[in-house]
Amino acid sequence: THVLTEDVLYREVTSDNLLLSRRLLTKTNRLPRWAERVFPGNLSRSVYIIEDSVVDLGNRSLTTLTWN
């Protein structure tokens, strides 16, 4: 329920059968309790996250990297 949007920006199957994907996610970002008292209530409570993933069926592996 904390993920608001999920968009695929890029997807490709390489010649060596790897599935590469890049997604943009928007999710809620709850502030720590102390910060909720300091910052105004209308402060944006969502963040953007980039996720890269590689699916390798040959090695039966999934690798993901995420950052915001």
Protein backbone atom coordinates (compact mmCIF):
# COMPACT_ATOMS: atom_id res chain seq x y z
CA THR A 1 0.00 0.00 0.00
CA HIS A 2 3.01 2.31 0.36
CA VAL A 3 3.85 2.14 -3.39
CA LEU A 4 1.84 4.83 -5.17
CA THR A 5 3.05 4.41 -8.78
CA GLU A 6 5.23 2.01 -10.75
CA ASP A 7 6.43 2.82 -14.28
CA VAL A 8 8.72 0.78 -16.52
CA LEU A 9 11.21 3.16 -18.14
CA TYR A 10 13.29 0.58 -19.99
CA ARG A 11 13.18 -3.15 -20.66
CA GLU A 12 15.36 -5.27 -22.90
CA VAL A 13 16.30 -8.91 -23.46
CA THR A 14 20.00 -9.06 -24.32
CA SER A 15 21.69 -11.44 -26.77
CA ASP A 16 22.85 -13.58 -23.82
CA ASN A 17 19.22 -13.87 -22.56
CA LEU A 18 19.37 -11.42 -19.65
CA LEU A 19 16.26 -9.39 -18.93
CA LEU A 20 17.26 -5.82 -18.02
CA SER A 21 14.68 -3.46 -16.54
CA ARG A 22 14.61 0.04 -15.10
CA ARG A 23 11.56 1.19 -13.15
CA LEU A 24 10.53 4.45 -11.54
CA LEU A 25 8.51 4.03 -8.35
CA THR A 26 6.78 6.60 -6.18
CA LYS A 27 6.16 5.57 -2.60
CA THR A 28 5.04 7.13 0.63
CA ASN A 29 7.79 8.33 2.91
CA ARG A 30 6.74 8.63 6.51
CA LEU A 31 8.82 11.08 8.49
CA PRO A 32 10.26 10.08 11.86
CA ARG A 33 8.01 11.09 14.77
CA TRP A 34 10.33 13.92 15.86
CA ALA A 35 10.30 15.36 12.33
CA GLU A 36 6.49 15.24 12.12
CA ARG A 37 6.41 17.74 15.00
CA VAL A 38 8.95 20.05 13.32
CA PHE A 39 7.88 20.10 9.66
CA PRO A 40 4.54 21.38 8.36
CA GLY A 41 1.76 18.87 7.69
CA ASN A 42 1.56 19.74 3.99
CA LEU A 43 5.18 18.70 3.40
CA SER A 44 5.43 16.20 0.55
CA ARG A 45 5.30 12.69 1.94
CA SER A 46 6.36 10.79 -1.19
CA VAL A 47 9.71 9.92 -2.74
CA TYR A 48 10.92 8.72 -6.13
CA ILE A 49 12.94 5.53 -6.41
CA ILE A 50 14.85 4.11 -9.39
CA GLU A 51 15.14 0.33 -9.53
CA ASP A 52 17.40 -1.56 -11.94
CA SER A 53 16.99 -5.33 -12.20
CA VAL A 54 18.70 -8.15 -14.07
CA VAL A 55 17.00 -11.51 -14.48
CA ASP A 56 19.37 -14.30 -15.50
CA LEU A 57 17.40 -17.46 -16.26
CA GLY A 58 20.57 -19.43 -17.04
CA ASN A 59 21.93 -18.91 -13.53
CA ARG A 60 18.45 -18.70 -11.96
CA SER A 61 19.22 -15.33 -10.39
CA LEU A 62 17.59 -11.95 -9.91
CA THR A 63 19.69 -8.91 -9.03
CA THR A 64 18.15 -5.55 -8.12
CA LEU A 65 19.70 -2.17 -7.34
CA THR A 66 17.60 0.65 -5.97
CA TRP A 67 18.30 4.26 -5.08
CA ASN A 68 16.41 7.47 -4.45
